[in-house]
Amino acid sequence: MNQDANCIFCRIVRGEIPSNKLHEDENVLAFHDVRPQAPVHFLIIPKEHVATLYDAGTAQQHAFGRMLVLAGELARKAGATDGFRTIINTGKVGHQEVYHVHMHVLGGPEPLGSMLQRKK
């Protein structure tokens, strides 16, 4: 499995940096975001180091498919019972901060202000 010695997510996969895990299998790891932006906010990453979606190929399709399939199941278990968002930032313009593909899953109860704005 391809790993990057300096990548923070590869270090989490190897157990060198602790994480609050939600799921782990042979292909992917899911863990809570350390800077949550919503009541439910976790990341799902492939265990193999792939810097960006630009670098993805058919060799990663099983892991990336697994990430998508797990998103709903894990979001529901984490408390996002009325929907969630998935975000994969890619490259500089896409605001990618960590160059290891990762999917943010955000959900949970909406703040009251958001619901009122939508009804206008």
PDB file of N, CA and C in Angstrom:
ATOM      1  N   MET A   1       0.848  -1.192   0.000  1.00  0.00           N
ATOM      2  CA  MET A   1       0.000   0.000   0.000  1.00  0.00           C
ATOM      3  C   MET A   1       0.885   1.245   0.000  1.00  0.00           C
ATOM      4  N   ASN A   2       0.574   2.161  -0.885  1.00  0.00           N
ATOM      5  CA  ASN A   2       1.319   3.401  -1.012  1.00  0.00           C
ATOM      6  C   ASN A   2       1.036   4.303   0.188  1.00  0.00           C
ATOM      7  N   GLN A   3       2.079   4.763   0.870  1.00  0.00           N
ATOM      8  CA  GLN A   3       1.962   5.672   2.010  1.00  0.00           C
ATOM      9  C   GLN A   3       2.981   6.793   1.852  1.00  0.00           C
ATOM     10  N   ASP A   4       2.712   7.938   2.444  1.00  0.00           N
ATOM     11  CA  ASP A   4       3.632   9.069   2.470  1.00  0.00           C
ATOM     12  C   ASP A   4       4.059   9.263   3.923  1.00  0.00           C
ATOM     13  N   ALA A   5       5.340   9.183   4.185  1.00  0.00           N
ATOM     14  CA  ALA A   5       5.860   9.257   5.555  1.00  0.00           C
ATOM     15  C   ALA A   5       5.496  10.563   6.257  1.00  0.00           C
ATOM     16  N   ASN A   6       5.322  11.651   5.508  1.00  0.00           N
ATOM     17  CA  ASN A   6       5.054  12.961   6.106  1.00  0.00           C
ATOM     18  C   ASN A   6       3.587  13.364   6.106  1.00  0.00           C
ATOM     19  N   CYS A   7       2.722  12.573   5.504  1.00  0.00           N
ATOM     20  CA  CYS A   7       1.299  12.910   5.399  1.00  0.00           C
ATOM     21  C   CYS A   7       0.600  12.653   6.738  1.00  0.00           C
ATOM     22  N   ILE A   8      -0.121  13.660   7.235  1.00  0.00           N
ATOM     23  CA  ILE A   8      -0.801  13.523   8.516  1.00  0.00           C
ATOM     24  C   ILE A   8      -1.842  12.400   8.485  1.00  0.00           C
ATOM     25  N   PHE A   9      -2.551  12.238   7.364  1.00  0.00           N
ATOM     26  CA  PHE A   9      -3.555  11.182   7.302  1.00  0.00           C
ATOM     27  C   PHE A   9      -2.916   9.803   7.211  1.00  0.00           C
ATOM     28  N   CYS A  10      -1.791   9.690   6.517  1.00  0.00           N
ATOM     29  CA  CYS A  10      -1.068   8.407   6.499  1.00  0.00           C
ATOM     30  C   CYS A  10      -0.577   8.069   7.900  1.00  0.00           C
ATOM     31  N   ARG A  11      -0.163   9.073   8.641  1.00  0.00           N
ATOM     32  CA  ARG A  11       0.289   8.851  10.019  1.00  0.00           C
ATOM     33  C   ARG A  11      -0.876   8.411  10.903  1.00  0.00           C
ATOM     34  N   ILE A  12      -2.065   8.941  10.658  1.00  0.00           N
ATOM     35  CA  ILE A  12      -3.254   8.493  11.396  1.00  0.00           C
ATOM     36  C   ILE A  12      -3.561   7.045  11.041  1.00  0.00           C
ATOM     37  N   VAL A  13      -3.503   6.706   9.759  1.00  0.00           N
ATOM     38  CA  VAL A  13      -3.749   5.328   9.314  1.00  0.00           C
ATOM     39  C   VAL A  13      -2.784   4.371  10.005  1.00  0.00           C
ATOM     40  N   ARG A  14      -1.515   4.755  10.120  1.00  0.00           N
ATOM     41  CA  ARG A  14      -0.497   3.897  10.740  1.00  0.00           C
ATOM     42  C   ARG A  14      -0.587   3.880  12.264  1.00  0.00           C
ATOM     43  N   GLY A  15      -1.443   4.708  12.856  1.00  0.00           N
ATOM     44  CA  GLY A  15      -1.586   4.748  14.305  1.00  0.00           C
ATOM     45  C   GLY A  15      -0.563   5.623  15.006  1.00  0.00           C
ATOM     46  N   GLU A  16       0.201   6.409  14.263  1.00  0.00           N
ATOM     47  CA  GLU A  16       1.200   7.294  14.857  1.00  0.00           C
ATOM     48  C   GLU A  16       0.566   8.528  15.481  1.00  0.00           C
ATOM     49  N   ILE A  17      -0.593   8.917  14.981  1.00  0.00           N
ATOM     50  CA  ILE A  17      -1.355  10.041  15.520  1.00  0.00           C
ATOM     51  C   ILE A  17      -2.728   9.497  15.893  1.00  0.00           C
ATOM     52  N   PRO A  18      -3.188   9.749  17.121  1.00  0.00           N
ATOM     53  CA  PRO A  18      -4.496   9.223  17.532  1.00  0.00           C
ATOM     54  C   PRO A  18      -5.645   9.911  16.803  1.00  0.00           C
ATOM     55  N   SER A  19      -6.742   9.185  16.664  1.00  0.00           N
ATOM     56  CA  SER A  19      -7.960   9.745  16.078  1.00  0.00           C
ATOM     57  C   SER A  19      -9.160   9.118  16.772  1.00  0.00           C
ATOM     58  N   ASN A  20     -10.273   9.802  16.681  1.00  0.00           N
ATOM     59  CA  ASN A  20     -11.524   9.293  17.240  1.00  0.00           C
ATOM     60  C   ASN A  20     -12.240   8.549  16.116  1.00  0.00           C
ATOM     61  N   LYS A  21     -11.939   7.262  15.989  1.00  0.00           N
ATOM     62  CA  LYS A  21     -12.400   6.456  14.858  1.00  0.00           C
ATOM     63  C   LYS A  21     -13.884   6.132  14.931  1.00  0.00           C
ATOM     64  N   LEU A  22     -14.513   6.190  13.744  1.00  0.00           N
ATOM     65  CA  LEU A  22     -15.895   5.750  13.579  1.00  0.00           C
ATOM     66  C   LEU A  22     -15.950   4.398  12.873  1.00  0.00           C
ATOM     67  N   HIS A  23     -14.982   4.161  11.991  1.00  0.00           N
ATOM     68  CA  HIS A  23     -14.970   2.943  11.180  1.00  0.00           C
ATOM     69  C   HIS A  23     -13.563   2.716  10.650  1.00  0.00           C
ATOM     70  N   GLU A  24     -13.203   1.436  10.548  1.00  0.00           N
ATOM     71  CA  GLU A  24     -11.949   1.076   9.896  1.00  0.00           C
ATOM     72  C   GLU A  24     -12.122  -0.297   9.270  1.00  0.00           C
ATOM     73  N   ASP A  25     -11.673  -0.413   8.030  1.00  0.00           N
ATOM     74  CA  ASP A  25     -11.598  -1.714   7.375  1.00  0.00           C
ATOM     75  C   ASP A  25     -10.313  -1.745   6.562  1.00  0.00           C
ATOM     76  N   GLU A  26     -10.151  -2.728   5.700  1.00  0.00           N
ATOM     77  CA  GLU A  26      -8.883  -2.874   4.982  1.00  0.00           C
ATOM     78  C   GLU A  26      -8.607  -1.735   3.997  1.00  0.00           C
ATOM     79  N   ASN A  27      -9.635  -0.995   3.574  1.00  0.00           N
ATOM     80  CA  ASN A  27      -9.471   0.034   2.549  1.00  0.00           C
ATOM     81  C   ASN A  27      -9.630   1.468   3.022  1.00  0.00           C
ATOM     82  N   VAL A  28     -10.448   1.692   4.036  1.00  0.00           N
ATOM     83  CA  VAL A  28     -10.765   3.064   4.440  1.00  0.00           C
ATOM     84  C   VAL A  28     -10.759   3.220   5.957  1.00  0.00           C
ATOM     85  N   LEU A  29     -10.654   4.476   6.357  1.00  0.00           N
ATOM     86  CA  LEU A  29     -10.715   4.843   7.765  1.00  0.00           C
ATOM     87  C   LEU A  29     -11.629   6.062   7.876  1.00  0.00           C
ATOM     88  N   ALA A  30     -12.519   6.060   8.861  1.00  0.00           N
ATOM     89  CA  ALA A  30     -13.391   7.206   9.130  1.00  0.00           C
ATOM     90  C   ALA A  30     -13.155   7.659  10.566  1.00  0.00           C
ATOM     91  N   PHE A  31     -13.034   8.965  10.742  1.00  0.00           N
ATOM     92  CA  PHE A  31     -12.779   9.502  12.077  1.00  0.00           C
ATOM     93  C   PHE A  31     -13.346  10.915  12.182  1.00  0.00           C
ATOM     94  N   HIS A  32     -13.628  11.332  13.410  1.00  0.00           N
ATOM     95  CA  HIS A  32     -14.188  12.661  13.662  1.00  0.00           C
ATOM     96  C   HIS A  32     -13.176  13.740  13.294  1.00  0.00           C
ATOM     97  N   ASP A  33     -13.665  14.837  12.702  1.00  0.00           N
ATOM     98  CA  ASP A  33     -12.823  15.979  12.370  1.00  0.00           C
ATOM     99  C   ASP A  33     -12.407  16.682  13.663  1.00  0.00           C
ATOM    100  N   VAL A  34     -11.158  17.107  13.747  1.00  0.00           N
ATOM    101  CA  VAL A  34     -10.680  17.780  14.956  1.00  0.00           C
ATOM    102  C   VAL A  34     -11.174  19.223  15.051  1.00  0.00           C
ATOM    103  N   ARG A  35     -11.644  19.782  13.927  1.00  0.00           N
ATOM    104  CA  ARG A  35     -12.225  21.129  13.908  1.00  0.00           C
ATOM    105  C   ARG A  35     -13.618  21.052  13.286  1.00  0.00           C
ATOM    106  N   PRO A  36     -14.584  20.483  13.994  1.00  0.00           N
ATOM    107  CA  PRO A  36     -15.908  20.266  13.395  1.00  0.00           C
ATOM    108  C   PRO A  36     -16.597  21.567  13.009  1.00  0.00           C
ATOM    109  N   GLN A  37     -17.253  21.519  11.844  1.00  0.00           N
ATOM    110  CA  GLN A  37     -17.994  22.667  11.326  1.00  0.00           C
ATOM    111  C   GLN A  37     -19.503  22.442  11.413  1.00  0.00           C
ATOM    112  N   ALA A  38     -19.909  21.313  11.974  1.00  0.00           N
ATOM    113  CA  ALA A  38     -21.327  20.959  12.109  1.00  0.00           C
ATOM    114  C   ALA A  38     -21.445  19.982  13.271  1.00  0.00           C
ATOM    115  N   PRO A  39     -22.664  19.783  13.793  1.00  0.00           N
ATOM    116  CA  PRO A  39     -22.833  18.825  14.882  1.00  0.00           C
ATOM    117  C   PRO A  39     -22.290  17.429  14.542  1.00  0.00           C
ATOM    118  N   VAL A  40     -22.454  17.013  13.300  1.00  0.00           N
ATOM    119  CA  VAL A  40     -21.850  15.774  12.815  1.00  0.00           C
ATOM    120  C   VAL A  40     -20.828  16.191  11.764  1.00  0.00           C
ATOM    121  N   HIS A  41     -19.568  15.876  12.004  1.00  0.00           N
ATOM    122  CA  HIS A  41     -18.515  16.197  11.030  1.00  0.00           C
ATOM    123  C   HIS A  41     -17.391  15.181  11.198  1.00  0.00           C
ATOM    124  N   PHE A  42     -17.272  14.341  10.205  1.00  0.00           N
ATOM    125  CA  PHE A  42     -16.192  13.358  10.217  1.00  0.00           C
ATOM    126  C   PHE A  42     -15.597  13.247   8.827  1.00  0.00           C
ATOM    127  N   LEU A  43     -14.456  12.594   8.754  1.00  0.00           N
ATOM    128  CA  LEU A  43     -13.747  12.388   7.498  1.00  0.00           C
ATOM    129  C   LEU A  43     -13.712  10.903   7.179  1.00  0.00           C
ATOM    130  N   ILE A  44     -13.769  10.597   5.905  1.00  0.00           N
ATOM    131  CA  ILE A  44     -13.530   9.234   5.438  1.00  0.00           C
ATOM    132  C   ILE A  44     -12.375   9.331   4.451  1.00  0.00           C
ATOM    133  N   ILE A  45     -11.346   8.513   4.688  1.00  0.00           N
ATOM    134  CA  ILE A  45     -10.147   8.559   3.848  1.00  0.00           C
ATOM    135  C   ILE A  45      -9.800   7.161   3.346  1.00  0.00           C
ATOM    136  N   PRO A  46      -9.190   7.084   2.171  1.00  0.00           N
ATOM    137  CA  PRO A  46      -8.633   5.795   1.768  1.00  0.00           C
ATOM    138  C   PRO A  46      -7.353   5.567   2.570  1.00  0.00           C
ATOM    139  N   LYS A  47      -7.065   4.330   2.896  1.00  0.00           N
ATOM    140  CA  LYS A  47      -5.821   4.044   3.617  1.00  0.00           C
ATOM    141  C   LYS A  47      -4.603   4.228   2.720  1.00  0.00           C
ATOM    142  N   GLU A  48      -4.781   4.034   1.434  1.00  0.00           N
ATOM    143  CA  GLU A  48      -3.696   4.266   0.496  1.00  0.00           C
ATOM    144  C   GLU A  48      -3.544   5.764   0.274  1.00  0.00           C
ATOM    145  N   HIS A  49      -2.313   6.236   0.200  1.00  0.00           N
ATOM    146  CA  HIS A  49      -2.069   7.656  -0.043  1.00  0.00           C
ATOM    147  C   HIS A  49      -2.338   7.989  -1.511  1.00  0.00           C
ATOM    148  N   VAL A  50      -3.332   8.827  -1.728  1.00  0.00           N
ATOM    149  CA  VAL A  50      -3.635   9.407  -3.037  1.00  0.00           C
ATOM    150  C   VAL A  50      -3.781  10.894  -2.746  1.00  0.00           C
ATOM    151  N   ALA A  51      -2.897  11.704  -3.304  1.00  0.00           N
ATOM    152  CA  ALA A  51      -2.836  13.122  -2.931  1.00  0.00           C
ATOM    153  C   ALA A  51      -4.112  13.880  -3.266  1.00  0.00           C
ATOM    154  N   THR A  52      -4.636  13.736  -4.498  1.00  0.00           N
ATOM    155  CA  THR A  52      -5.827  14.471  -4.916  1.00  0.00           C
ATOM    156  C   THR A  52      -6.670  13.590  -5.833  1.00  0.00           C
ATOM    157  N   LEU A  53      -7.869  14.034  -6.116  1.00  0.00           N
ATOM    158  CA  LEU A  53      -8.689  13.299  -7.082  1.00  0.00           C
ATOM    159  C   LEU A  53      -8.056  13.311  -8.464  1.00  0.00           C
ATOM    160  N   TYR A  54      -7.217  14.303  -8.756  1.00  0.00           N
ATOM    161  CA  TYR A  54      -6.479  14.307 -10.018  1.00  0.00           C
ATOM    162  C   TYR A  54      -5.596  13.070 -10.146  1.00  0.00           C
ATOM    163  N   ASP A  55      -5.127  12.547  -9.021  1.00  0.00           N
ATOM    164  CA  ASP A  55      -4.205  11.415  -9.000  1.00  0.00           C
ATOM    165  C   ASP A  55      -4.910  10.067  -8.920  1.00  0.00           C
ATOM    166  N   ALA A  56      -6.218  10.072  -8.797  1.00  0.00           N
ATOM    167  CA  ALA A  56      -6.973   8.832  -8.634  1.00  0.00           C
ATOM    168  C   ALA A  56      -7.068   8.072  -9.958  1.00  0.00           C
ATOM    169  N   GLY A  57      -7.085   6.765  -9.842  1.00  0.00           N
ATOM    170  CA  GLY A  57      -7.230   5.908 -11.016  1.00  0.00           C
ATOM    171  C   GLY A  57      -8.098   4.715 -10.681  1.00  0.00           C
ATOM    172  N   THR A  58      -8.174   3.804 -11.609  1.00  0.00           N
ATOM    173  CA  THR A  58      -9.032   2.632 -11.402  1.00  0.00           C
ATOM    174  C   THR A  58      -8.575   1.788 -10.211  1.00  0.00           C
ATOM    175  N   ALA A  59      -7.301   1.868  -9.849  1.00  0.00           N
ATOM    176  CA  ALA A  59      -6.815   1.103  -8.694  1.00  0.00           C
ATOM    177  C   ALA A  59      -7.488   1.560  -7.395  1.00  0.00           C
ATOM    178  N   GLN A  60      -7.995   2.787  -7.353  1.00  0.00           N
ATOM    179  CA  GLN A  60      -8.629   3.317  -6.144  1.00  0.00           C
ATOM    180  C   GLN A  60     -10.151   3.211  -6.161  1.00  0.00           C
ATOM    181  N   GLN A  61     -10.732   2.685  -7.217  1.00  0.00           N
ATOM    182  CA  GLN A  61     -12.192   2.729  -7.322  1.00  0.00           C
ATOM    183  C   GLN A  61     -12.895   1.959  -6.208  1.00  0.00           C
ATOM    184  N   HIS A  62     -12.329   0.867  -5.731  1.00  0.00           N
ATOM    185  CA  HIS A  62     -12.988   0.125  -4.648  1.00  0.00           C
ATOM    186  C   HIS A  62     -13.002   0.952  -3.361  1.00  0.00           C
ATOM    187  N   ALA A  63     -11.863   1.537  -2.996  1.00  0.00           N
ATOM    188  CA  ALA A  63     -11.799   2.339  -1.774  1.00  0.00           C
ATOM    189  C   ALA A  63     -12.692   3.569  -1.868  1.00  0.00           C
ATOM    190  N   PHE A  64     -12.680   4.242  -3.029  1.00  0.00           N
ATOM    191  CA  PHE A  64     -13.503   5.439  -3.175  1.00  0.00           C
ATOM    192  C   PHE A  64     -14.993   5.088  -3.174  1.00  0.00           C
ATOM    193  N   GLY A  65     -15.350   3.991  -3.780  1.00  0.00           N
ATOM    194  CA  GLY A  65     -16.735   3.525  -3.729  1.00  0.00           C
ATOM    195  C   GLY A  65     -17.148   3.187  -2.311  1.00  0.00           C
ATOM    196  N   ARG A  66     -16.244   2.573  -1.572  1.00  0.00           N
ATOM    197  CA  ARG A  66     -16.511   2.224  -0.170  1.00  0.00           C
ATOM    198  C   ARG A  66     -16.751   3.482   0.648  1.00  0.00           C
ATOM    199  N   MET A  67     -15.990   4.539   0.366  1.00  0.00           N
ATOM    200  CA  MET A  67     -16.175   5.800   1.075  1.00  0.00           C
ATOM    201  C   MET A  67     -17.596   6.324   0.880  1.00  0.00           C
ATOM    202  N   LEU A  68     -18.074   6.286  -0.356  1.00  0.00           N
ATOM    203  CA  LEU A  68     -19.427   6.788  -0.644  1.00  0.00           C
ATOM    204  C   LEU A  68     -20.499   5.926   0.006  1.00  0.00           C
ATOM    205  N   VAL A  69     -20.318   4.629  -0.029  1.00  0.00           N
ATOM    206  CA  VAL A  69     -21.305   3.721   0.560  1.00  0.00           C
ATOM    207  C   VAL A  69     -21.371   3.898   2.077  1.00  0.00           C
ATOM    208  N   LEU A  70     -20.238   4.117   2.710  1.00  0.00           N
ATOM    209  CA  LEU A  70     -20.199   4.280   4.170  1.00  0.00           C
ATOM    210  C   LEU A  70     -20.760   5.612   4.648  1.00  0.00           C
ATOM    211  N   ALA A  71     -20.723   6.639   3.805  1.00  0.00           N
ATOM    212  CA  ALA A  71     -21.100   7.987   4.234  1.00  0.00           C
ATOM    213  C   ALA A  71     -22.479   8.021   4.895  1.00  0.00           C
ATOM    214  N   GLY A  72     -23.479   7.465   4.248  1.00  0.00           N
ATOM    215  CA  GLY A  72     -24.831   7.502   4.808  1.00  0.00           C
ATOM    216  C   GLY A  72     -24.976   6.691   6.081  1.00  0.00           C
ATOM    217  N   GLU A  73     -24.424   5.504   6.073  1.00  0.00           N
ATOM    218  CA  GLU A  73     -24.506   4.634   7.255  1.00  0.00           C
ATOM    219  C   GLU A  73     -23.849   5.298   8.469  1.00  0.00           C
ATOM    220  N   LEU A  74     -22.649   5.826   8.284  1.00  0.00           N
ATOM    221  CA  LEU A  74     -21.937   6.451   9.397  1.00  0.00           C
ATOM    222  C   LEU A  74     -22.570   7.769   9.808  1.00  0.00           C
ATOM    223  N   ALA A  75     -23.081   8.543   8.850  1.00  0.00           N
ATOM    224  CA  ALA A  75     -23.748   9.807   9.181  1.00  0.00           C
ATOM    225  C   ALA A  75     -24.974   9.546  10.046  1.00  0.00           C
ATOM    226  N   ARG A  76     -25.754   8.559   9.656  1.00  0.00           N
ATOM    227  CA  ARG A  76     -26.950   8.205  10.436  1.00  0.00           C
ATOM    228  C   ARG A  76     -26.558   7.793  11.852  1.00  0.00           C
ATOM    229  N   LYS A  77     -25.557   6.929  11.971  1.00  0.00           N
ATOM    230  CA  LYS A  77     -25.114   6.466  13.297  1.00  0.00           C
ATOM    231  C   LYS A  77     -24.572   7.608  14.148  1.00  0.00           C
ATOM    232  N   ALA A  78     -23.965   8.609  13.496  1.00  0.00           N
ATOM    233  CA  ALA A  78     -23.388   9.741  14.219  1.00  0.00           C
ATOM    234  C   ALA A  78     -24.431  10.794  14.601  1.00  0.00           C
ATOM    235  N   GLY A  79     -25.667  10.658  14.093  1.00  0.00           N
ATOM    236  CA  GLY A  79     -26.738  11.571  14.482  1.00  0.00           C
ATOM    237  C   GLY A  79     -27.298  12.448  13.386  1.00  0.00           C
ATOM    238  N   ALA A  80     -26.826  12.301  12.160  1.00  0.00           N
ATOM    239  CA  ALA A  80     -27.348  13.085  11.038  1.00  0.00           C
ATOM    240  C   ALA A  80     -28.521  12.322  10.436  1.00  0.00           C
ATOM    241  N   THR A  81     -29.688  12.455  11.061  1.00  0.00           N
ATOM    242  CA  THR A  81     -30.843  11.650  10.654  1.00  0.00           C
ATOM    243  C   THR A  81     -31.703  12.313   9.588  1.00  0.00           C
ATOM    244  N   ASP A  82     -31.448  13.597   9.286  1.00  0.00           N
ATOM    245  CA  ASP A  82     -32.281  14.299   8.315  1.00  0.00           C
ATOM    246  C   ASP A  82     -31.455  14.858   7.166  1.00  0.00           C
ATOM    247  N   GLY A  83     -30.384  14.147   6.813  1.00  0.00           N
ATOM    248  CA  GLY A  83     -29.554  14.564   5.689  1.00  0.00           C
ATOM    249  C   GLY A  83     -28.147  14.943   6.100  1.00  0.00           C
ATOM    250  N   PHE A  84     -27.288  15.040   5.101  1.00  0.00           N
ATOM    251  CA  PHE A  84     -25.890  15.388   5.320  1.00  0.00           C
ATOM    252  C   PHE A  84     -25.296  15.864   4.010  1.00  0.00           C
ATOM    253  N   ARG A  85     -24.105  16.477   4.092  1.00  0.00           N
ATOM    254  CA  ARG A  85     -23.355  16.903   2.912  1.00  0.00           C
ATOM    255  C   ARG A  85     -22.061  16.113   2.855  1.00  0.00           C
ATOM    256  N   THR A  86     -21.603  15.863   1.644  1.00  0.00           N
ATOM    257  CA  THR A  86     -20.273  15.296   1.450  1.00  0.00           C
ATOM    258  C   THR A  86     -19.471  16.295   0.642  1.00  0.00           C
ATOM    259  N   ILE A  87     -18.217  16.472   1.017  1.00  0.00           N
ATOM    260  CA  ILE A  87     -17.347  17.433   0.347  1.00  0.00           C
ATOM    261  C   ILE A  87     -15.982  16.796   0.158  1.00  0.00           C
ATOM    262  N   ILE A  88     -15.481  16.843  -1.073  1.00  0.00           N
ATOM    263  CA  ILE A  88     -14.104  16.449  -1.352  1.00  0.00           C
ATOM    264  C   ILE A  88     -13.438  17.651  -2.017  1.00  0.00           C
ATOM    265  N   ASN A  89     -12.573  18.321  -1.288  1.00  0.00           N
ATOM    266  CA  ASN A  89     -11.836  19.456  -1.826  1.00  0.00           C
ATOM    267  C   ASN A  89     -10.658  18.921  -2.634  1.00  0.00           C
ATOM    268  N   THR A  90     -10.422  19.513  -3.815  1.00  0.00           N
ATOM    269  CA  THR A  90      -9.341  19.041  -4.679  1.00  0.00           C
ATOM    270  C   THR A  90      -8.484  20.208  -5.147  1.00  0.00           C
ATOM    271  N   GLY A  91      -7.208  20.173  -4.801  1.00  0.00           N
ATOM    272  CA  GLY A  91      -6.248  21.160  -5.264  1.00  0.00           C
ATOM    273  C   GLY A  91      -6.404  22.519  -4.607  1.00  0.00           C
ATOM    274  N   LYS A  92      -5.550  23.433  -5.037  1.00  0.00           N
ATOM    275  CA  LYS A  92      -5.506  24.773  -4.463  1.00  0.00           C
ATOM    276  C   LYS A  92      -6.829  25.515  -4.626  1.00  0.00           C
ATOM    277  N   VAL A  93      -7.363  25.549  -5.822  1.00  0.00           N
ATOM    278  CA  VAL A  93      -8.618  26.264  -6.064  1.00  0.00           C
ATOM    279  C   VAL A  93      -9.777  25.604  -5.317  1.00  0.00           C
ATOM    280  N   GLY A  94      -9.695  24.306  -5.123  1.00  0.00           N
ATOM    281  CA  GLY A  94     -10.721  23.576  -4.374  1.00  0.00           C
ATOM    282  C   GLY A  94     -10.542  23.641  -2.870  1.00  0.00           C
ATOM    283  N   HIS A  95      -9.579  24.427  -2.400  1.00  0.00           N
ATOM    284  CA  HIS A  95      -9.310  24.648  -0.973  1.00  0.00           C
ATOM    285  C   HIS A  95      -8.884  23.384  -0.242  1.00  0.00           C
ATOM    286  N   GLN A  96      -8.158  22.494  -0.926  1.00  0.00           N
ATOM    287  CA  GLN A  96      -7.654  21.299  -0.262  1.00  0.00           C
ATOM    288  C   GLN A  96      -6.505  21.700   0.654  1.00  0.00           C
ATOM    289  N   GLU A  97      -6.592  21.330   1.923  1.00  0.00           N
ATOM    290  CA  GLU A  97      -5.554  21.665   2.895  1.00  0.00           C
ATOM    291  C   GLU A  97      -4.599  20.505   3.128  1.00  0.00           C
ATOM    292  N   VAL A  98      -5.120  19.291   3.200  1.00  0.00           N
ATOM    293  CA  VAL A  98      -4.291  18.105   3.394  1.00  0.00           C
ATOM    294  C   VAL A  98      -4.295  17.337   2.080  1.00  0.00           C
ATOM    295  N   TYR A  99      -3.120  17.120   1.532  1.00  0.00           N
ATOM    296  CA  TYR A  99      -3.013  16.460   0.235  1.00  0.00           C
ATOM    297  C   TYR A  99      -2.975  14.940   0.381  1.00  0.00           C
ATOM    298  N   HIS A 100      -4.108  14.422   0.794  1.00  0.00           N
ATOM    299  CA  HIS A 100      -4.464  13.008   0.873  1.00  0.00           C
ATOM    300  C   HIS A 100      -5.980  13.046   0.680  1.00  0.00           C
ATOM    301  N   VAL A 101      -6.496  12.403  -0.338  1.00  0.00           N
ATOM    302  CA  VAL A 101      -7.934  12.477  -0.605  1.00  0.00           C
ATOM    303  C   VAL A 101      -8.704  12.186   0.675  1.00  0.00           C
ATOM    304  N   HIS A 102      -9.676  13.028   0.950  1.00  0.00           N
ATOM    305  CA  HIS A 102     -10.534  12.823   2.119  1.00  0.00           C
ATOM    306  C   HIS A 102     -11.904  13.432   1.839  1.00  0.00           C
ATOM    307  N   MET A 103     -12.908  12.760   2.345  1.00  0.00           N
ATOM    308  CA  MET A 103     -14.284  13.210   2.172  1.00  0.00           C
ATOM    309  C   MET A 103     -14.811  13.688   3.522  1.00  0.00           C
ATOM    310  N   HIS A 104     -15.245  14.943   3.561  1.00  0.00           N
ATOM    311  CA  HIS A 104     -15.918  15.472   4.742  1.00  0.00           C
ATOM    312  C   HIS A 104     -17.375  15.038   4.679  1.00  0.00           C
ATOM    313  N   VAL A 105     -17.906  14.610   5.798  1.00  0.00           N
ATOM    314  CA  VAL A 105     -19.334  14.310   5.926  1.00  0.00           C
ATOM    315  C   VAL A 105     -19.843  15.200   7.045  1.00  0.00           C
ATOM    316  N   LEU A 106     -20.790  16.101   6.700  1.00  0.00           N
ATOM    317  CA  LEU A 106     -21.313  17.060   7.660  1.00  0.00           C
ATOM    318  C   LEU A 106     -22.830  16.943   7.730  1.00  0.00           C
ATOM    319  N   GLY A 107     -23.353  16.976   8.931  1.00  0.00           N
ATOM    320  CA  GLY A 107     -24.798  16.891   9.111  1.00  0.00           C
ATOM    321  C   GLY A 107     -25.182  17.229  10.526  1.00  0.00           C
ATOM    322  N   GLY A 108     -26.393  16.859  10.855  1.00  0.00           N
ATOM    323  CA  GLY A 108     -26.904  17.124  12.189  1.00  0.00           C
ATOM    324  C   GLY A 108     -27.991  18.163  12.135  1.00  0.00           C
ATOM    325  N   PRO A 109     -28.511  18.520  13.282  1.00  0.00           N
ATOM    326  CA  PRO A 109     -29.569  19.530  13.311  1.00  0.00           C
ATOM    327  C   PRO A 109     -29.072  20.855  12.759  1.00  0.00           C
ATOM    328  N   GLU A 110     -29.901  21.488  11.932  1.00  0.00           N
ATOM    329  CA  GLU A 110     -29.548  22.799  11.393  1.00  0.00           C
ATOM    330  C   GLU A 110     -29.778  23.858  12.457  1.00  0.00           C
ATOM    331  N   PRO A 111     -28.916  24.878  12.505  1.00  0.00           N
ATOM    332  CA  PRO A 111     -29.196  26.002  13.408  1.00  0.00           C
ATOM    333  C   PRO A 111     -30.509  26.670  13.014  1.00  0.00           C
ATOM    334  N   LEU A 112     -31.232  27.190  13.962  1.00  0.00           N
ATOM    335  CA  LEU A 112     -32.539  27.807  13.723  1.00  0.00           C
ATOM    336  C   LEU A 112     -32.444  28.899  12.655  1.00  0.00           C
ATOM    337  N   GLY A 113     -31.393  29.715  12.671  1.00  0.00           N
ATOM    338  CA  GLY A 113     -31.236  30.788  11.698  1.00  0.00           C
ATOM    339  C   GLY A 113     -31.211  30.268  10.256  1.00  0.00           C
ATOM    340  N   SER A 114     -30.590  29.131  10.033  1.00  0.00           N
ATOM    341  CA  SER A 114     -30.525  28.545   8.681  1.00  0.00           C
ATOM    342  C   SER A 114     -31.907  28.151   8.182  1.00  0.00           C
ATOM    343  N   MET A 115     -32.703  27.566   9.070  1.00  0.00           N
ATOM    344  CA  MET A 115     -34.040  27.134   8.676  1.00  0.00           C
ATOM    345  C   MET A 115     -34.934  28.336   8.373  1.00  0.00           C
ATOM    346  N   LEU A 116     -34.824  29.390   9.189  1.00  0.00           N
ATOM    347  CA  LEU A 116     -35.649  30.586   8.980  1.00  0.00           C
ATOM    348  C   LEU A 116     -35.263  31.279   7.670  1.00  0.00           C
ATOM    349  N   GLN A 117     -33.974  31.353   7.358  1.00  0.00           N
ATOM    350  CA  GLN A 117     -33.523  31.964   6.118  1.00  0.00           C
ATOM    351  C   GLN A 117     -34.092  31.236   4.918  1.00  0.00           C
ATOM    352  N   ARG A 118     -34.133  29.921   4.971  1.00  0.00           N
ATOM    353  CA  ARG A 118     -34.602  29.112   3.853  1.00  0.00           C
ATOM    354  C   ARG A 118     -36.092  29.313   3.601  1.00  0.00           C
ATOM    355  N   LYS A 119     -36.889  29.598   4.654  1.00  0.00           N
ATOM    356  CA  LYS A 119     -38.340  29.727   4.510  1.00  0.00           C
ATOM    357  C   LYS A 119     -38.732  31.054   3.893  1.00  0.00           C
ATOM    358  N   LYS A 120     -37.852  32.028   3.825  1.00  0.00           N
ATOM    359  CA  LYS A 120     -38.195  33.353   3.270  1.00  0.00           C
ATOM    360  C   LYS A 120     -38.381  33.316   1.786  1.00  0.00           C
TER     361      LYS A 120
END
